[in-house]
């Protein structure tokens, strides 16, 4: 389930993975077809099949029953799954069922900014870094600069060459971290729109 650019995959501020996970949590026991039927807007079947299998590999789902259905070749096997390990947010796993870390840095920095309320990029980097997921100085500086340009902060001390600016958060749009797209724009999942 390759990830589309964030500005294209958002619908109702939920990614396809989020919509599949919401359907799974609602149904609890289901087939992949039932999951797809409960996604709104509809998620392609290939994405549903992939994510369900990845969740099985990660131990979030178990196969309850497999039965043959009459397809064109009479060999299609449909499986019934059960949710066995729940989570509030859609698990971020790869095809092997291993956790992925894409997006963890921006989420950690966004949460740190919301707690600190006033900061420079050095403080954001220190507050958001963990032993498991250290954040590089350049990553923190770039993210803070991008959000400052997009109007999320008010400058308390303007940045100067060789000196980091100090900012106050003035635009807290919600729980999802604003993302920097491939085109270097800020896209806000909370509003479902570009922030620039």
N, C-alpha and C. Protein backbone atom coordinates (compact mmCIF):
# COMPACT_ATOMS: atom_id res chain seq x y z
N UNK A 1 0.86 -1.17 0.00
CA UNK A 1 0.00 0.00 0.00
C UNK A 1 0.90 1.23 0.00
N UNK A 2 1.43 1.56 -1.17
CA UNK A 2 2.33 2.70 -1.29
C UNK A 2 1.58 3.98 -0.94
N UNK A 3 2.27 4.87 -0.27
CA UNK A 3 1.62 6.09 0.19
C UNK A 3 1.59 7.13 -0.91
N UNK A 4 0.40 7.72 -1.11
CA UNK A 4 0.24 8.81 -2.07
C UNK A 4 0.70 10.10 -1.42
N UNK A 5 0.95 11.13 -2.22
CA UNK A 5 1.24 12.43 -1.62
C UNK A 5 0.10 12.82 -0.68
N UNK A 6 0.45 13.36 0.48
CA UNK A 6 -0.56 13.62 1.51
C UNK A 6 -1.69 14.51 1.04
N UNK A 7 -1.40 15.47 0.18
CA UNK A 7 -2.46 16.38 -0.27
C UNK A 7 -3.45 15.67 -1.19
N UNK A 8 -3.07 14.49 -1.74
CA UNK A 8 -3.98 13.75 -2.60
C UNK A 8 -4.70 12.64 -1.85
N UNK A 9 -4.11 12.11 -0.79
CA UNK A 9 -4.72 10.98 -0.09
C UNK A 9 -5.75 11.40 0.95
N UNK A 10 -5.77 12.65 1.31
CA UNK A 10 -6.69 13.09 2.36
C UNK A 10 -8.10 13.22 1.84
N UNK A 11 -9.02 12.65 2.56
CA UNK A 11 -10.45 12.80 2.27
C UNK A 11 -11.13 12.79 3.62
N UNK A 12 -11.76 13.87 3.99
CA UNK A 12 -12.34 13.96 5.31
C UNK A 12 -11.27 13.96 6.38
N UNK A 13 -10.06 14.41 6.02
CA UNK A 13 -8.92 14.48 6.93
C UNK A 13 -8.49 13.11 7.46
N UNK A 14 -8.84 12.05 6.76
CA UNK A 14 -8.41 10.70 7.13
C UNK A 14 -7.74 10.07 5.92
N UNK A 15 -6.62 9.41 6.17
CA UNK A 15 -5.94 8.68 5.10
C UNK A 15 -6.72 7.40 4.81
N UNK A 16 -6.44 6.74 3.68
CA UNK A 16 -7.08 5.44 3.43
C UNK A 16 -6.84 4.46 4.58
N UNK A 17 -5.61 4.44 5.12
CA UNK A 17 -5.30 3.55 6.24
C UNK A 17 -6.19 3.86 7.44
N UNK A 18 -6.40 5.16 7.73
CA UNK A 18 -7.27 5.55 8.84
C UNK A 18 -8.70 5.08 8.61
N UNK A 19 -9.17 5.18 7.37
CA UNK A 19 -10.55 4.79 7.06
C UNK A 19 -10.73 3.28 7.16
N UNK A 20 -9.72 2.51 6.73
CA UNK A 20 -9.77 1.05 6.86
C UNK A 20 -9.78 0.68 8.34
N UNK A 21 -8.90 1.30 9.13
CA UNK A 21 -8.81 0.98 10.55
C UNK A 21 -10.12 1.32 11.28
N UNK A 22 -10.74 2.44 10.92
CA UNK A 22 -12.02 2.82 11.53
C UNK A 22 -13.07 1.74 11.23
N UNK A 23 -13.09 1.24 9.99
CA UNK A 23 -14.04 0.19 9.63
C UNK A 23 -13.77 -1.10 10.40
N UNK A 24 -12.50 -1.46 10.55
CA UNK A 24 -12.13 -2.67 11.31
C UNK A 24 -12.58 -2.55 12.76
N UNK A 25 -12.35 -1.39 13.36
CA UNK A 25 -12.74 -1.20 14.77
C UNK A 25 -14.25 -1.22 14.94
N UNK A 26 -14.98 -0.79 13.93
CA UNK A 26 -16.44 -0.81 13.99
C UNK A 26 -16.96 -2.24 13.86
N UNK A 27 -16.41 -3.00 12.89
CA UNK A 27 -16.92 -4.34 12.58
C UNK A 27 -16.45 -5.41 13.56
N UNK A 28 -15.20 -5.34 13.99
CA UNK A 28 -14.56 -6.29 14.91
C UNK A 28 -14.31 -7.67 14.27
N UNK A 29 -15.29 -8.27 13.61
CA UNK A 29 -15.14 -9.52 12.86
C UNK A 29 -15.66 -9.23 11.47
N UNK A 30 -14.89 -9.59 10.41
CA UNK A 30 -15.21 -9.07 9.09
C UNK A 30 -14.47 -9.81 7.99
N UNK A 31 -14.90 -9.59 6.77
CA UNK A 31 -14.15 -9.97 5.57
C UNK A 31 -13.58 -8.67 4.99
N UNK A 32 -12.65 -8.80 4.09
CA UNK A 32 -12.07 -7.61 3.47
C UNK A 32 -13.13 -6.83 2.68
N UNK A 33 -14.04 -7.55 2.06
CA UNK A 33 -15.12 -6.90 1.31
C UNK A 33 -15.99 -6.05 2.26
N UNK A 34 -16.27 -6.57 3.45
CA UNK A 34 -17.06 -5.81 4.42
C UNK A 34 -16.32 -4.55 4.88
N UNK A 35 -15.01 -4.69 5.06
CA UNK A 35 -14.21 -3.52 5.44
C UNK A 35 -14.30 -2.46 4.36
N UNK A 36 -14.10 -2.86 3.11
CA UNK A 36 -14.18 -1.89 2.02
C UNK A 36 -15.55 -1.21 1.99
N UNK A 37 -16.61 -1.98 2.18
CA UNK A 37 -17.96 -1.42 2.16
C UNK A 37 -18.18 -0.37 3.25
N UNK A 38 -17.41 -0.46 4.34
CA UNK A 38 -17.56 0.47 5.47
C UNK A 38 -16.60 1.66 5.40
N UNK A 39 -15.78 1.74 4.34
CA UNK A 39 -14.90 2.90 4.21
C UNK A 39 -15.63 3.98 3.45
N UNK A 40 -15.48 5.19 3.94
CA UNK A 40 -16.15 6.32 3.28
C UNK A 40 -15.24 7.52 3.31
N UNK A 41 -14.85 8.05 2.16
CA UNK A 41 -15.08 7.54 0.82
C UNK A 41 -14.40 6.18 0.64
N UNK A 42 -14.88 5.46 -0.35
CA UNK A 42 -14.44 4.09 -0.61
C UNK A 42 -12.94 4.01 -0.85
N UNK A 43 -12.31 3.04 -0.20
CA UNK A 43 -10.88 2.77 -0.38
C UNK A 43 -10.76 1.63 -1.39
N UNK A 44 -9.83 1.71 -2.35
CA UNK A 44 -9.67 0.62 -3.32
C UNK A 44 -9.43 -0.73 -2.64
N UNK A 45 -9.98 -1.79 -3.23
CA UNK A 45 -9.86 -3.14 -2.65
C UNK A 45 -8.40 -3.55 -2.47
N UNK A 46 -7.54 -3.21 -3.42
CA UNK A 46 -6.13 -3.59 -3.30
C UNK A 46 -5.51 -3.02 -2.02
N UNK A 47 -5.85 -1.77 -1.69
CA UNK A 47 -5.34 -1.15 -0.46
C UNK A 47 -5.91 -1.84 0.77
N UNK A 48 -7.18 -2.21 0.73
CA UNK A 48 -7.80 -2.92 1.86
C UNK A 48 -7.13 -4.27 2.07
N UNK A 49 -6.95 -5.02 0.98
CA UNK A 49 -6.32 -6.34 1.08
C UNK A 49 -4.91 -6.23 1.66
N UNK A 50 -4.14 -5.27 1.17
CA UNK A 50 -2.76 -5.11 1.63
C UNK A 50 -2.71 -4.77 3.11
N UNK A 51 -3.47 -3.74 3.53
CA UNK A 51 -3.40 -3.30 4.92
C UNK A 51 -3.92 -4.36 5.88
N UNK A 52 -4.97 -5.08 5.51
CA UNK A 52 -5.48 -6.16 6.36
C UNK A 52 -4.40 -7.22 6.54
N UNK A 53 -3.72 -7.61 5.45
CA UNK A 53 -2.67 -8.62 5.57
C UNK A 53 -1.51 -8.12 6.44
N UNK A 54 -1.15 -6.86 6.28
CA UNK A 54 -0.07 -6.30 7.10
C UNK A 54 -0.45 -6.30 8.58
N UNK A 55 -1.73 -6.05 8.86
CA UNK A 55 -2.21 -6.07 10.25
C UNK A 55 -2.21 -7.49 10.82
N UNK A 56 -2.49 -8.48 9.97
CA UNK A 56 -2.38 -9.88 10.39
C UNK A 56 -0.92 -10.17 10.75
N UNK A 57 0.00 -9.77 9.86
CA UNK A 57 1.43 -9.99 10.10
C UNK A 57 1.92 -9.31 11.37
N UNK A 58 1.29 -8.18 11.72
CA UNK A 58 1.69 -7.43 12.92
C UNK A 58 1.01 -7.95 14.19
N UNK A 59 0.05 -8.87 14.05
CA UNK A 59 -0.63 -9.42 15.22
C UNK A 59 -1.85 -8.63 15.68
N UNK A 60 -2.30 -7.67 14.90
CA UNK A 60 -3.50 -6.91 15.27
C UNK A 60 -4.78 -7.66 14.89
N UNK A 61 -4.68 -8.51 13.85
CA UNK A 61 -5.82 -9.28 13.38
C UNK A 61 -5.46 -10.76 13.35
N UNK A 62 -6.48 -11.61 13.50
CA UNK A 62 -6.27 -13.04 13.31
C UNK A 62 -7.29 -13.54 12.29
N UNK A 63 -6.92 -14.62 11.61
CA UNK A 63 -7.82 -15.24 10.64
C UNK A 63 -8.72 -16.19 11.42
N UNK A 64 -10.03 -15.97 11.32
CA UNK A 64 -11.00 -16.79 12.04
C UNK A 64 -11.46 -17.95 11.17
N UNK A 65 -11.66 -17.67 9.89
CA UNK A 65 -12.21 -18.68 9.00
C UNK A 65 -11.81 -18.35 7.57
N UNK A 66 -11.55 -19.38 6.79
CA UNK A 66 -11.30 -19.20 5.36
C UNK A 66 -12.26 -20.10 4.62
N UNK A 67 -12.94 -19.56 3.62
CA UNK A 67 -13.87 -20.37 2.85
C UNK A 67 -13.80 -19.98 1.38
N UNK A 68 -14.05 -20.97 0.54
CA UNK A 68 -13.99 -20.75 -0.91
C UNK A 68 -15.28 -20.11 -1.38
N UNK A 69 -15.13 -19.19 -2.31
CA UNK A 69 -16.31 -18.59 -2.94
C UNK A 69 -16.23 -18.84 -4.43
N UNK A 70 -17.35 -18.81 -5.08
CA UNK A 70 -17.40 -19.07 -6.52
C UNK A 70 -16.98 -17.82 -7.28
N UNK A 71 -15.75 -17.79 -7.71
CA UNK A 71 -15.29 -16.74 -8.60
C UNK A 71 -15.31 -17.28 -10.02
N UNK A 72 -14.69 -16.58 -10.94
CA UNK A 72 -14.64 -17.06 -12.31
C UNK A 72 -13.95 -18.42 -12.39
N UNK A 73 -12.93 -18.61 -11.57
CA UNK A 73 -12.20 -19.87 -11.60
C UNK A 73 -12.60 -20.80 -10.44
N UNK A 74 -13.52 -20.36 -9.59
CA UNK A 74 -14.00 -21.18 -8.47
C UNK A 74 -12.98 -21.38 -7.39
N UNK A 75 -11.87 -20.64 -7.42
CA UNK A 75 -10.79 -20.88 -6.47
C UNK A 75 -10.57 -19.71 -5.51
N UNK A 76 -11.38 -18.69 -5.56
CA UNK A 76 -11.18 -17.52 -4.69
C UNK A 76 -11.46 -17.89 -3.24
N UNK A 77 -10.51 -17.62 -2.38
CA UNK A 77 -10.67 -17.92 -0.96
C UNK A 77 -10.87 -16.61 -0.21
N UNK A 78 -12.00 -16.53 0.48
CA UNK A 78 -12.27 -15.34 1.27
C UNK A 78 -12.06 -15.69 2.74
N UNK A 79 -11.38 -14.80 3.44
CA UNK A 79 -11.10 -15.05 4.85
C UNK A 79 -11.91 -14.12 5.72
N UNK A 80 -12.25 -14.63 6.90
CA UNK A 80 -12.90 -13.81 7.91
C UNK A 80 -11.85 -13.51 8.97
N UNK A 81 -11.77 -12.25 9.37
CA UNK A 81 -10.75 -11.80 10.32
C UNK A 81 -11.42 -11.31 11.60
N UNK A 82 -10.64 -11.28 12.67
CA UNK A 82 -11.11 -10.73 13.93
C UNK A 82 -10.04 -9.78 14.48
N UNK A 83 -10.49 -8.67 15.00
CA UNK A 83 -9.58 -7.72 15.65
C UNK A 83 -9.19 -8.30 16.99
N UNK A 84 -7.88 -8.50 17.20
CA UNK A 84 -7.41 -9.09 18.46
C UNK A 84 -6.54 -8.13 19.27
N UNK A 85 -6.00 -7.11 18.61
CA UNK A 85 -5.18 -6.12 19.33
C UNK A 85 -5.58 -4.74 18.85
N UNK A 86 -6.38 -4.08 19.64
CA UNK A 86 -6.94 -2.78 19.26
C UNK A 86 -5.94 -1.66 19.54
N UNK A 87 -6.13 -0.56 18.88
CA UNK A 87 -5.34 0.66 19.09
C UNK A 87 -6.20 1.84 18.68
N UNK A 88 -6.02 2.95 19.33
CA UNK A 88 -6.84 4.13 19.01
C UNK A 88 -6.56 4.62 17.60
N UNK A 89 -5.28 4.72 17.25
CA UNK A 89 -4.91 5.18 15.91
C UNK A 89 -4.53 3.99 15.04
N UNK A 90 -4.70 4.16 13.75
CA UNK A 90 -4.36 3.10 12.80
C UNK A 90 -2.89 2.73 12.94
N UNK A 91 -2.61 1.44 13.19
CA UNK A 91 -1.21 1.02 13.31
C UNK A 91 -0.42 1.33 12.05
N UNK A 92 0.77 1.84 12.23
CA UNK A 92 1.65 2.17 11.11
C UNK A 92 2.64 1.02 10.96
N UNK A 93 2.31 0.09 10.04
CA UNK A 93 3.12 -1.11 9.85
C UNK A 93 3.42 -1.29 8.37
N UNK A 94 4.49 -2.06 8.09
CA UNK A 94 4.83 -2.38 6.70
C UNK A 94 4.31 -3.77 6.37
N UNK A 95 4.62 -4.26 5.19
CA UNK A 95 4.09 -5.55 4.74
C UNK A 95 4.54 -6.72 5.62
N UNK A 96 5.68 -6.58 6.30
CA UNK A 96 6.14 -7.64 7.20
C UNK A 96 5.48 -7.54 8.58
N UNK A 97 4.70 -6.49 8.79
CA UNK A 97 4.05 -6.30 10.08
C UNK A 97 4.91 -5.54 11.07
N UNK A 98 6.03 -4.99 10.60
CA UNK A 98 6.92 -4.22 11.48
C UNK A 98 6.46 -2.78 11.53
N UNK A 99 6.62 -2.16 12.69
CA UNK A 99 6.24 -0.75 12.83
C UNK A 99 7.12 0.12 11.94
N UNK A 100 6.52 1.14 11.34
CA UNK A 100 7.29 2.09 10.53
C UNK A 100 7.36 3.42 11.27
N UNK A 101 8.41 4.15 10.99
CA UNK A 101 8.62 5.40 11.73
C UNK A 101 8.38 6.65 10.89
N UNK A 102 7.96 6.49 9.64
CA UNK A 102 7.71 7.66 8.78
C UNK A 102 6.67 8.56 9.44
N UNK A 103 7.00 9.83 9.59
CA UNK A 103 6.06 10.79 10.16
C UNK A 103 6.15 10.94 11.67
N UNK A 104 6.92 10.07 12.34
CA UNK A 104 7.02 10.15 13.80
C UNK A 104 7.73 11.42 14.23
N UNK A 105 8.75 11.83 13.49
CA UNK A 105 9.51 13.04 13.86
C UNK A 105 8.64 14.28 13.82
N UNK A 106 7.86 14.44 12.73
CA UNK A 106 7.02 15.64 12.63
C UNK A 106 5.93 15.62 13.70
N UNK A 107 5.37 14.45 13.98
CA UNK A 107 4.35 14.37 15.03
C UNK A 107 4.94 14.71 16.39
N UNK A 108 6.13 14.19 16.68
CA UNK A 108 6.78 14.48 17.96
C UNK A 108 7.11 15.97 18.08
N UNK A 109 7.57 16.59 16.99
CA UNK A 109 7.88 18.02 17.04
C UNK A 109 6.61 18.85 17.20
N UNK A 110 5.54 18.48 16.51
CA UNK A 110 4.27 19.21 16.63
C UNK A 110 3.75 19.12 18.07
N UNK A 111 3.81 17.94 18.65
CA UNK A 111 3.36 17.79 20.04
C UNK A 111 4.23 18.61 20.99
N UNK A 112 5.54 18.62 20.74
CA UNK A 112 6.45 19.41 21.59
C UNK A 112 6.12 20.89 21.50
N UNK A 113 5.84 21.39 20.30
CA UNK A 113 5.50 22.80 20.12
C UNK A 113 4.21 23.15 20.86
N UNK A 114 3.25 22.24 20.84
CA UNK A 114 1.98 22.49 21.52
C UNK A 114 2.16 22.54 23.04
N UNK A 115 3.10 21.77 23.55
CA UNK A 115 3.36 21.77 25.00
C UNK A 115 4.20 22.98 25.39
N UNK A 116 5.26 23.25 24.61
CA UNK A 116 6.16 24.35 24.94
C UNK A 116 5.50 25.72 24.76
N UNK A 117 4.68 25.85 23.73
CA UNK A 117 4.00 27.10 23.36
C UNK A 117 4.94 28.20 22.89
N UNK A 118 6.13 28.33 23.48
CA UNK A 118 7.13 29.30 23.03
C UNK A 118 8.47 28.58 22.97
N UNK A 119 9.20 28.75 21.86
CA UNK A 119 10.37 27.89 21.64
C UNK A 119 11.24 28.42 20.50
N UNK A 120 12.45 27.83 20.39
CA UNK A 120 13.26 27.93 19.18
C UNK A 120 13.44 26.49 18.68
N UNK A 121 14.07 26.32 17.54
CA UNK A 121 14.14 24.96 17.00
C UNK A 121 15.01 24.04 17.85
N UNK A 122 15.99 24.59 18.56
CA UNK A 122 16.84 23.76 19.44
C UNK A 122 15.98 23.11 20.53
N UNK A 123 15.08 23.89 21.13
CA UNK A 123 14.21 23.37 22.19
C UNK A 123 13.24 22.34 21.65
N UNK A 124 12.74 22.58 20.44
CA UNK A 124 11.83 21.61 19.81
C UNK A 124 12.57 20.30 19.56
N UNK A 125 13.78 20.39 19.05
CA UNK A 125 14.57 19.18 18.79
C UNK A 125 14.81 18.39 20.07
N UNK A 126 15.22 19.07 21.13
CA UNK A 126 15.48 18.38 22.40
C UNK A 126 14.22 17.75 22.98
N UNK A 127 13.12 18.49 22.94
CA UNK A 127 11.87 17.99 23.53
C UNK A 127 11.28 16.83 22.74
N UNK A 128 11.48 16.81 21.43
CA UNK A 128 10.85 15.78 20.58
C UNK A 128 11.72 14.54 20.39
N UNK A 129 13.02 14.64 20.61
CA UNK A 129 13.93 13.51 20.38
C UNK A 129 13.81 12.48 21.49
N UNK A 130 13.92 11.22 21.08
CA UNK A 130 14.01 10.11 22.03
C UNK A 130 15.20 9.26 21.64
N UNK A 131 15.58 8.32 22.49
CA UNK A 131 16.67 7.41 22.14
C UNK A 131 16.33 6.60 20.90
N UNK A 132 15.06 6.16 20.80
CA UNK A 132 14.64 5.35 19.66
C UNK A 132 14.49 6.18 18.39
N UNK A 133 14.10 7.44 18.54
CA UNK A 133 13.86 8.30 17.37
C UNK A 133 14.49 9.68 17.59
N UNK A 134 15.81 9.76 17.46
CA UNK A 134 16.44 11.08 17.60
C UNK A 134 16.11 11.94 16.38
N UNK A 135 15.96 13.23 16.60
CA UNK A 135 15.64 14.16 15.51
C UNK A 135 16.88 14.98 15.19
N UNK A 136 17.25 14.99 13.93
CA UNK A 136 18.45 15.71 13.49
C UNK A 136 18.21 17.22 13.59
N UNK A 137 19.25 17.99 13.91
CA UNK A 137 19.11 19.44 14.00
C UNK A 137 18.53 20.06 12.73
N UNK A 138 19.00 19.62 11.57
CA UNK A 138 18.51 20.16 10.30
C UNK A 138 17.01 19.89 10.12
N UNK A 139 16.57 18.71 10.54
CA UNK A 139 15.14 18.36 10.43
C UNK A 139 14.30 19.30 11.28
N UNK A 140 14.72 19.54 12.52
CA UNK A 140 13.97 20.44 13.41
C UNK A 140 13.98 21.86 12.88
N UNK A 141 15.13 22.34 12.46
CA UNK A 141 15.24 23.72 11.96
C UNK A 141 14.37 23.91 10.72
N UNK A 142 14.40 22.95 9.80
CA UNK A 142 13.61 23.04 8.57
C UNK A 142 12.12 23.03 8.87
N UNK A 143 11.69 22.16 9.77
CA UNK A 143 10.26 22.04 10.10
C UNK A 143 9.75 23.32 10.77
N UNK A 144 10.52 23.84 11.72
CA UNK A 144 10.12 25.07 12.41
C UNK A 144 10.05 26.23 11.42
N UNK A 145 11.05 26.35 10.54
CA UNK A 145 11.04 27.43 9.53
C UNK A 145 9.83 27.33 8.61
N UNK A 146 9.50 26.11 8.17
CA UNK A 146 8.37 25.92 7.25
C UNK A 146 7.06 26.31 7.92
N UNK A 147 6.87 25.91 9.18
CA UNK A 147 5.63 26.26 9.88
C UNK A 147 5.58 27.74 10.21
N UNK A 148 6.73 28.34 10.46
CA UNK A 148 6.77 29.79 10.72
C UNK A 148 6.33 30.55 9.46
N UNK A 149 6.85 30.15 8.29
CA UNK A 149 6.47 30.79 7.03
C UNK A 149 4.98 30.60 6.74
N UNK A 150 4.41 29.48 7.18
CA UNK A 150 3.00 29.18 6.92
C UNK A 150 2.06 29.86 7.93
N UNK A 151 2.61 30.57 8.89
CA UNK A 151 1.77 31.34 9.81
C UNK A 151 1.31 30.63 11.07
N UNK A 152 1.97 29.56 11.44
CA UNK A 152 1.59 28.85 12.67
C UNK A 152 2.14 29.53 13.93
N UNK A 153 3.16 30.35 13.75
CA UNK A 153 3.83 30.99 14.89
C UNK A 153 3.85 32.50 14.73
N UNK A 154 4.07 33.17 15.86
CA UNK A 154 4.38 34.59 15.87
C UNK A 154 5.81 34.68 16.37
N UNK A 155 6.63 35.45 15.67
CA UNK A 155 8.03 35.59 16.08
C UNK A 155 8.12 36.44 17.34
N UNK A 156 8.74 35.87 18.38
CA UNK A 156 9.03 36.60 19.61
C UNK A 156 10.38 37.29 19.45
N UNK A 157 11.32 36.54 18.88
CA UNK A 157 12.63 37.08 18.52
C UNK A 157 12.87 36.63 17.08
N UNK A 158 13.02 37.58 16.18
CA UNK A 158 13.20 37.25 14.76
C UNK A 158 14.51 36.51 14.54
N UNK A 159 14.52 35.53 13.63
CA UNK A 159 15.76 34.83 13.34
C UNK A 159 16.75 35.74 12.63
N UNK A 160 18.01 35.51 12.90
CA UNK A 160 19.10 36.25 12.25
C UNK A 160 20.13 35.24 11.77
N UNK A 161 20.97 35.64 10.84
CA UNK A 161 22.02 34.70 10.39
C UNK A 161 22.83 34.20 11.58
N UNK A 162 22.88 32.87 11.73
CA UNK A 162 23.64 32.27 12.81
C UNK A 162 22.90 32.23 14.14
N UNK A 163 21.68 32.76 14.22
CA UNK A 163 20.92 32.77 15.47
C UNK A 163 19.49 32.34 15.18
N UNK A 164 19.04 31.32 15.92
CA UNK A 164 17.69 30.79 15.73
C UNK A 164 16.66 31.80 16.22
N UNK A 165 15.54 31.87 15.52
CA UNK A 165 14.43 32.70 15.96
C UNK A 165 13.69 32.03 17.10
N UNK A 166 12.96 32.81 17.85
CA UNK A 166 12.13 32.28 18.94
C UNK A 166 10.67 32.57 18.57
N UNK A 167 9.82 31.57 18.73
CA UNK A 167 8.45 31.67 18.25
C UNK A 167 7.44 31.31 19.34
N UNK A 168 6.22 31.80 19.12
CA UNK A 168 5.09 31.42 19.96
C UNK A 168 4.03 30.81 19.05
N UNK A 169 3.51 29.64 19.43
CA UNK A 169 2.48 28.97 18.64
C UNK A 169 1.18 29.77 18.72
N UNK A 170 0.66 30.17 17.57
CA UNK A 170 -0.59 30.95 17.55
C UNK A 170 -1.67 30.27 16.70
N UNK A 171 -1.31 29.20 16.02
CA UNK A 171 -2.28 28.51 15.16
C UNK A 171 -2.21 27.00 15.42
N UNK A 172 -2.89 26.56 16.47
CA UNK A 172 -2.95 25.14 16.82
C UNK A 172 -4.21 24.58 16.16
N UNK A 173 -4.04 23.92 15.02
CA UNK A 173 -5.19 23.47 14.24
C UNK A 173 -5.71 22.09 14.63
N UNK A 174 -4.97 21.36 15.47
CA UNK A 174 -5.45 20.05 15.89
C UNK A 174 -4.34 19.06 16.16
N UNK A 175 -4.74 17.79 16.29
CA UNK A 175 -3.81 16.74 16.72
C UNK A 175 -2.82 16.30 15.66
N UNK A 176 -3.21 16.37 14.38
CA UNK A 176 -2.32 15.90 13.32
C UNK A 176 -1.24 16.93 13.02
N UNK A 177 -0.01 16.45 12.89
CA UNK A 177 1.10 17.34 12.59
C UNK A 177 1.01 17.85 11.15
N UNK A 178 1.10 19.16 10.93
CA UNK A 178 1.18 19.66 9.56
C UNK A 178 2.37 19.02 8.85
N UNK A 179 2.18 18.65 7.60
CA UNK A 179 3.21 17.95 6.85
C UNK A 179 3.80 18.86 5.79
N UNK A 180 5.06 18.62 5.48
CA UNK A 180 5.71 19.32 4.37
C UNK A 180 5.62 18.39 3.17
N UNK A 181 4.97 18.85 2.10
CA UNK A 181 4.75 18.01 0.93
C UNK A 181 6.02 17.91 0.08
N UNK A 182 5.93 17.09 -0.94
CA UNK A 182 7.05 16.94 -1.87
C UNK A 182 7.36 18.25 -2.59
N UNK A 183 6.37 19.13 -2.66
CA UNK A 183 6.55 20.42 -3.33
C UNK A 183 6.93 21.52 -2.34
N UNK A 184 7.34 21.10 -1.14
CA UNK A 184 7.82 22.03 -0.09
C UNK A 184 6.74 22.98 0.40
N UNK A 185 5.48 22.56 0.33
CA UNK A 185 4.38 23.33 0.90
C UNK A 185 3.96 22.66 2.20
N UNK A 186 3.32 23.43 3.06
CA UNK A 186 2.79 22.86 4.30
C UNK A 186 1.34 22.47 4.06
N UNK A 187 1.03 21.20 4.33
CA UNK A 187 -0.34 20.70 4.20
C UNK A 187 -0.83 20.31 5.60
N UNK A 188 -1.99 20.79 5.97
CA UNK A 188 -2.53 20.55 7.31
C UNK A 188 -3.63 19.51 7.26
N UNK A 189 -3.37 18.34 7.84
CA UNK A 189 -4.37 17.27 7.87
C UNK A 189 -5.57 17.65 8.72
N UNK A 190 -5.39 18.55 9.67
CA UNK A 190 -6.50 18.93 10.54
C UNK A 190 -7.56 19.72 9.77
N UNK A 191 -7.13 20.52 8.82
CA UNK A 191 -8.06 21.31 8.02
C UNK A 191 -8.31 20.71 6.66
N UNK A 192 -7.43 19.78 6.24
CA UNK A 192 -7.56 19.16 4.92
C UNK A 192 -7.17 20.09 3.78
N UNK A 193 -6.34 21.08 4.08
CA UNK A 193 -5.98 22.07 3.06
C UNK A 193 -4.54 22.51 3.23
N UNK A 194 -3.94 23.06 2.15
CA UNK A 194 -2.61 23.64 2.28
C UNK A 194 -2.65 24.81 3.27
N UNK A 195 -1.56 24.97 4.00
CA UNK A 195 -1.51 26.04 5.00
C UNK A 195 -0.94 27.33 4.42
N UNK A 196 -0.27 27.25 3.29
CA UNK A 196 0.36 28.43 2.71
C UNK A 196 -0.66 29.36 2.08
